[in-house]
Protein backbone atom coordinates (compact mmCIF):
# COMPACT_ATOMS: atom_id res chain seq x y z
CA MET A 1 1.54 2.77 20.18
CA SER A 2 1.74 -0.92 19.35
CA LEU A 3 2.54 -2.49 15.98
CA LYS A 4 2.53 -6.23 15.33
CA LYS A 5 3.34 -7.66 11.92
CA PHE A 6 2.90 -11.22 10.65
CA ARG A 7 3.79 -13.18 7.54
CA PRO A 8 1.11 -15.38 5.92
CA ARG A 9 1.07 -19.13 6.60
CA VAL A 10 -0.52 -20.28 3.32
CA LEU A 11 -0.95 -17.33 0.95
CA THR A 12 2.77 -16.62 0.86
CA LYS A 13 2.79 -15.50 -2.76
CA ALA A 14 -0.32 -13.34 -2.57
CA ILE A 15 0.09 -11.59 0.81
CA LYS A 16 3.08 -9.47 1.73
CA SER A 17 2.19 -8.95 5.37
CA ILE A 18 -0.62 -8.76 7.93
CA TYR A 19 -0.36 -6.16 10.64
CA PHE A 20 -2.21 -4.73 13.61
CA LEU A 21 -1.75 -1.14 14.78
CA ARG A 22 -3.04 0.19 18.09
CA THR A 23 -2.78 3.62 19.65
CA ASP A 24 -4.42 4.89 22.83
CA ARG A 25 -3.42 8.51 23.21
CA VAL A 26 -4.17 10.79 26.17
CA SER A 27 -5.40 13.67 24.01
CA ASP A 28 -8.94 13.61 22.59
CA GLU A 29 -7.83 15.60 19.52
CA LEU A 30 -7.70 13.78 16.19
CA GLU A 31 -4.17 13.28 14.88
CA LEU A 32 -3.57 14.39 11.28
CA HIS A 33 -1.30 12.16 9.23
CA ARG A 34 -0.19 12.20 5.60
CA HIS A 35 -0.42 8.82 3.83
CA LEU A 36 1.97 8.16 0.98
CA PRO A 37 1.49 5.89 -2.06
CA ASP A 38 3.47 2.64 -1.92
CA GLY A 39 2.30 0.67 -4.96
CA THR A 40 0.17 -1.90 -3.11
CA PHE A 41 -3.48 -2.74 -2.54
CA ASP A 42 -4.51 -3.11 1.11
CA LEU A 43 -7.52 -4.58 2.90
CA ILE A 44 -8.06 -2.49 6.05
CA LEU A 45 -10.49 -3.17 8.90
CA ASN A 46 -10.92 -0.41 11.44
CA LEU A 47 -11.73 -1.99 14.81
CA GLY A 48 -11.37 1.26 16.75
CA ASP A 49 -12.91 4.74 16.62
CA PRO A 50 -13.83 6.47 13.32
CA ILE A 51 -11.10 7.73 10.97
CA TYR A 52 -11.65 10.78 8.76
CA HIS A 53 -10.41 11.41 5.21
CA ILE A 54 -9.32 15.01 4.62
CA ASN A 55 -9.12 16.90 1.34
CA ALA A 56 -9.20 20.55 0.30
CA GLN A 57 -13.01 20.66 0.17
CA SER A 58 -14.22 18.46 3.00
CA GLU A 59 -13.68 16.13 5.93
CA MET A 60 -15.43 12.78 5.52
CA ARG A 61 -15.66 9.73 7.75
CA ARG A 62 -13.94 6.80 6.11
CA PRO A 63 -15.79 3.44 5.94
CA ASP A 64 -14.60 1.08 8.66
CA ASN A 65 -13.73 -1.78 6.29
CA ILE A 66 -12.12 -0.89 2.97
CA LEU A 67 -9.99 -2.00 0.08
CA ILE A 68 -7.64 0.75 -1.06
CA GLY A 69 -4.99 0.83 -3.76
CA GLY A 70 -3.89 2.27 -7.07
CA VAL A 71 -3.23 5.57 -5.29
CA SER A 72 -0.51 7.71 -6.89
CA GLU A 73 -0.73 10.85 -4.71
CA ALA A 74 -0.51 11.52 -0.98
CA PHE A 75 -3.69 12.03 1.04
CA TYR A 76 -4.49 12.94 4.64
CA LEU A 77 -6.31 11.07 7.39
CA LYS A 78 -7.29 12.10 10.92
CA TYR A 79 -6.77 9.36 13.49
CA PRO A 80 -8.81 9.21 16.72
CA LYS A 81 -7.65 8.79 20.30
CA ARG A 82 -8.27 5.03 20.12
CA THR A 83 -6.99 3.56 16.87
CA TRP A 84 -7.08 -0.16 16.16
CA LEU A 85 -6.38 -1.28 12.61
CA ALA A 86 -6.10 -4.73 11.07
CA CYS A 87 -4.58 -4.71 7.60
CA VAL A 88 -3.59 -7.13 4.85
CA VAL A 89 -0.98 -5.85 2.40
CA PHE A 90 -1.22 -7.76 -0.88
CA GLN A 91 1.83 -8.55 -2.96
CA PRO A 92 1.84 -6.38 -6.09
CA GLY A 93 0.33 -8.43 -8.89
CA TYR A 94 -1.81 -10.71 -6.70
CA ALA A 95 -4.58 -8.56 -5.19
CA SER A 96 -6.80 -9.25 -8.22
CA LEU A 97 -7.12 -12.88 -7.06
CA PHE A 98 -9.45 -11.64 -4.33
CA LEU A 99 -11.60 -9.38 -6.51
CA LYS A 100 -14.16 -10.04 -9.19
CA ASP A 101 -12.99 -7.02 -11.20
CA ARG A 102 -9.66 -6.15 -12.76
CA LEU A 103 -7.56 -3.85 -10.61
CA ASP A 104 -7.57 -1.11 -13.22
CA SER A 105 -11.34 -0.83 -12.60
CA VAL A 106 -10.84 0.02 -8.90
CA THR A 107 -7.70 2.13 -9.18
CA ALA A 108 -7.33 5.13 -6.85
CA GLN A 109 -10.52 4.37 -4.98
CA THR A 110 -11.49 3.54 -1.43
CA ILE A 111 -14.08 0.77 -1.71
CA GLU A 112 -16.14 -0.63 1.14
CA SER A 113 -15.03 -4.24 1.43
CA SER A 114 -18.62 -5.36 2.07
CA LEU A 115 -19.37 -4.41 -1.55
CA ILE A 116 -16.79 -7.01 -2.58
CA TYR A 117 -17.18 -9.70 0.09
CA GLY A 118 -20.74 -9.15 1.31
CA LYS A 119 -21.89 -9.51 4.91
CA ASP A 120 -19.09 -11.99 5.66
CA VAL A 121 -16.73 -9.09 6.27
CA HIS A 122 -18.88 -7.91 9.19
CA GLN A 123 -18.70 -11.38 10.72
CA LEU A 124 -14.92 -11.26 10.31
CA GLU A 125 -14.86 -7.90 12.07
CA GLN A 126 -16.65 -9.38 15.10
CA GLU A 127 -14.28 -12.35 15.19
CA LEU A 128 -11.26 -10.03 15.14
CA ARG A 129 -12.63 -8.07 18.10
CA ALA A 130 -12.76 -11.23 20.24
CA ASN A 131 -10.34 -11.68 23.14
CA ILE A 132 -7.66 -13.60 21.22
CA GLU A 133 -3.99 -13.14 20.34
CA ASP A 134 -2.99 -11.10 17.29
CA GLU A 135 -1.40 -14.18 15.74
CA GLN A 136 -4.85 -15.82 15.79
CA ARG A 137 -6.36 -12.69 14.27
CA ALA A 138 -3.80 -12.82 11.46
CA TRP A 139 -4.80 -16.42 10.74
CA LEU A 140 -8.50 -15.47 10.73
CA LEU A 141 -7.77 -12.80 8.11
CA GLU A 142 -5.81 -15.25 5.99
CA GLN A 143 -8.51 -17.94 6.24
CA PHE A 144 -11.11 -15.37 5.19
CA LEU A 145 -9.09 -14.53 2.06
CA ILE A 146 -8.48 -18.20 1.27
CA ARG A 147 -12.26 -18.65 1.13
CA LYS A 148 -12.69 -15.51 -0.98
CA ALA A 149 -9.97 -16.20 -3.55
CA ASP A 150 -11.64 -15.99 -6.95
CA SER A 151 -9.04 -18.13 -8.73
CA LYS A 152 -5.58 -19.62 -8.47
CA PRO A 153 -2.48 -17.62 -9.46
CA SER A 154 -1.90 -17.72 -13.20
CA TYR A 155 1.25 -17.41 -15.27
CA TYR A 156 0.49 -13.70 -15.67
CA HIS A 157 0.12 -13.13 -11.91
CA GLU A 158 3.52 -14.65 -11.34
CA ARG A 159 5.12 -12.73 -14.22
CA MET A 160 3.73 -9.37 -13.09
CA ALA A 161 4.78 -10.04 -9.49
CA TYR A 162 8.26 -10.87 -10.78
CA THR A 163 8.50 -7.60 -12.72
CA CYS A 164 7.23 -5.64 -9.69
CA ASP A 165 10.05 -7.15 -7.65
CA LEU A 166 12.49 -6.35 -10.43
CA ILE A 167 11.33 -2.72 -10.56
CA SER A 168 11.59 -2.45 -6.77
CA ARG A 169 15.16 -3.78 -6.73
CA CYS A 170 16.51 -1.90 -9.74
CA ASP A 171 16.66 1.88 -9.86
CA LYS A 172 16.08 2.16 -13.61
CA MET A 173 14.80 -0.35 -16.17
CA SER A 174 13.44 0.35 -19.63
CA MET A 175 10.03 -0.86 -20.76
CA SER A 176 11.66 -3.00 -23.41
CA ASN A 177 13.86 -4.71 -20.80
CA LEU A 178 10.92 -5.35 -18.49
CA SER A 179 8.71 -6.79 -21.21
CA SER A 180 11.52 -8.97 -22.57
CA GLU A 181 12.11 -10.36 -19.05
CA VAL A 182 8.62 -11.91 -19.19
CA CYS A 183 8.67 -12.69 -22.93
CA MET A 184 5.87 -10.29 -23.84
CA SER A 185 5.42 -7.45 -26.30
CA GLU A 186 5.60 -3.98 -24.72
CA ARG A 187 1.96 -3.28 -25.56
CA ASN A 188 0.67 -6.52 -24.05
CA PHE A 189 2.94 -6.11 -21.02
CA ARG A 190 1.57 -2.63 -20.27
CA ARG A 191 -2.01 -3.87 -20.55
CA ILE A 192 -1.58 -6.94 -18.33
CA PHE A 193 0.50 -5.01 -15.78
CA LYS A 194 -2.23 -2.37 -15.38
CA GLU A 195 -4.96 -5.02 -15.06
CA LEU A 196 -3.16 -7.06 -12.38
CA VAL A 197 -1.08 -4.46 -10.52
CA GLY A 198 -3.45 -1.48 -10.70
CA TYR A 199 -0.77 0.93 -11.90
CA THR A 200 1.03 1.47 -15.17
CA PRO A 201 4.65 0.21 -15.06
CA LYS A 202 5.81 3.83 -15.16
CA GLN A 203 3.60 4.84 -12.20
CA PHE A 204 4.69 1.84 -10.15
CA ALA A 205 8.38 2.44 -10.84
CA LYS A 206 8.05 6.12 -9.91
CA ILE A 207 6.34 5.32 -6.60
CA ARG A 208 8.90 2.67 -5.62
CA ARG A 209 11.78 4.96 -6.54
CA ILE A 210 10.42 7.84 -4.46
CA LYS A 211 9.93 5.47 -1.53
CA LYS A 212 13.67 4.72 -1.72
CA VAL A 213 14.31 8.46 -1.60
CA MET A 214 12.19 8.68 1.56
CA TYR A 215 14.29 6.02 3.27
CA LEU A 216 17.49 7.84 2.36
CA LEU A 217 16.07 11.14 3.63
CA LYS A 218 15.07 9.42 6.87
CA ASP A 219 18.73 8.47 7.26
CA LYS A 220 19.69 12.17 6.86
CA ARG A 221 21.09 11.80 3.35
CA ARG A 222 21.37 14.95 1.25
CA ILE A 223 19.15 15.41 -1.81
CA LEU A 224 22.16 15.40 -4.13
CA GLU A 225 23.33 12.08 -2.66
CA CYS A 226 19.85 10.61 -3.18
CA ALA A 227 19.75 11.80 -6.79
CA ILE A 228 23.16 10.28 -7.59
CA GLN A 229 22.50 6.98 -5.83
CA LEU A 230 19.09 6.43 -7.45
CA GLY A 231 20.02 7.58 -10.96
CA PHE A 232 18.01 10.79 -11.29
CA TYR A 233 19.10 13.21 -14.01
CA ASP A 234 19.62 15.92 -11.40
CA THR A 235 18.19 17.18 -8.11
CA ALA A 236 15.47 19.15 -9.91
CA HIS A 237 14.19 15.89 -11.46
CA LEU A 238 14.16 14.22 -8.04
CA ILE A 239 12.36 17.15 -6.38
CA HIS A 240 9.72 17.27 -9.14
CA ASP A 241 8.96 13.53 -8.90
CA PHE A 242 9.01 13.63 -5.10
CA GLN A 243 6.47 16.46 -4.93
CA SER A 244 4.16 14.74 -7.41
CA ILE A 245 4.02 11.61 -5.19
CA ALA A 246 4.41 12.97 -1.64
CA GLY A 247 2.64 16.30 -2.09
CA THR A 248 5.53 18.11 -0.42
CA SER A 249 9.20 18.84 -1.00
CA PRO A 250 11.98 16.48 0.19
CA VAL A 251 13.15 19.11 2.68
CA THR A 252 9.68 19.54 4.22
CA PHE A 253 9.21 15.77 4.33
CA SER A 254 12.47 15.37 6.26
CA GLU A 255 11.60 18.15 8.70
CA LYS A 256 8.13 16.76 9.46
CA PHE A 257 9.00 13.05 9.45
CA ASP A 258 7.38 11.51 12.56
CA ARG A 259 6.73 8.17 14.26
CA LEU A 260 3.62 7.45 12.18
CA ASP A 261 5.58 8.03 8.97
CA GLU A 262 8.16 5.50 10.11
CA ILE A 263 5.51 2.95 11.11
CA PHE A 264 3.54 3.19 7.87
CA MET A 265 6.71 3.09 5.76
CA SER A 266 7.63 -0.19 7.44
CA PHE A 267 4.35 -1.96 6.61
CA ASN A 268 5.24 -3.01 3.10
CA ASN A 269 8.84 -4.10 3.61
């Protein structure tokens, strides 16, 4: 398994990271993996074999090139023997620069990127498959998005990105404190946040908080320690919130934590 991660050269405010993931396993069996919400929107190009989305009713092939985000619950994917992914992780608050619609109109969906960017995305896919270094591929992805940017960052983009960072760094902040930080009424703040981030402030804060719990669990911390450190009312509150986001209990998550969990958790840091 190979993971390479790059920072943007130009779109430093709008893009958090660009990464390439490759696996070439011996077994022909598809590998099931649980994906966890992280509060971002991602542009993903699958340059390898087909990936399948799994739910309780069906197993469906996922489109090769997608935009995904606004997800607040875990979901499952089956990865093939030969996986090759190219992904752009957008900074919270900035993904809307590269869409014609508000983010709250595409929340919790997997959208074929060709529906947003047209046939150009297929040309990009061919360019990424060329025999070049991953650093060059990262620059191709960034140049593509520079051309597709629908507008320049506004005051509101910067303010929402600032509050996302504030939420991520602080364990608990009230709505009134967040809105006052950006000199907005609570009602207007909620509306603009949902339009530009794709989540409500409460949803985003819950996801980021549970991700901190996951990191502590990875380091073998006890649930009680996690609850105290992150300001939960009690362990029952932590367990309830954890299950609503991860789809499993903290104990089960710790027991089944694997290399793919660690890799995907590292993407957005």
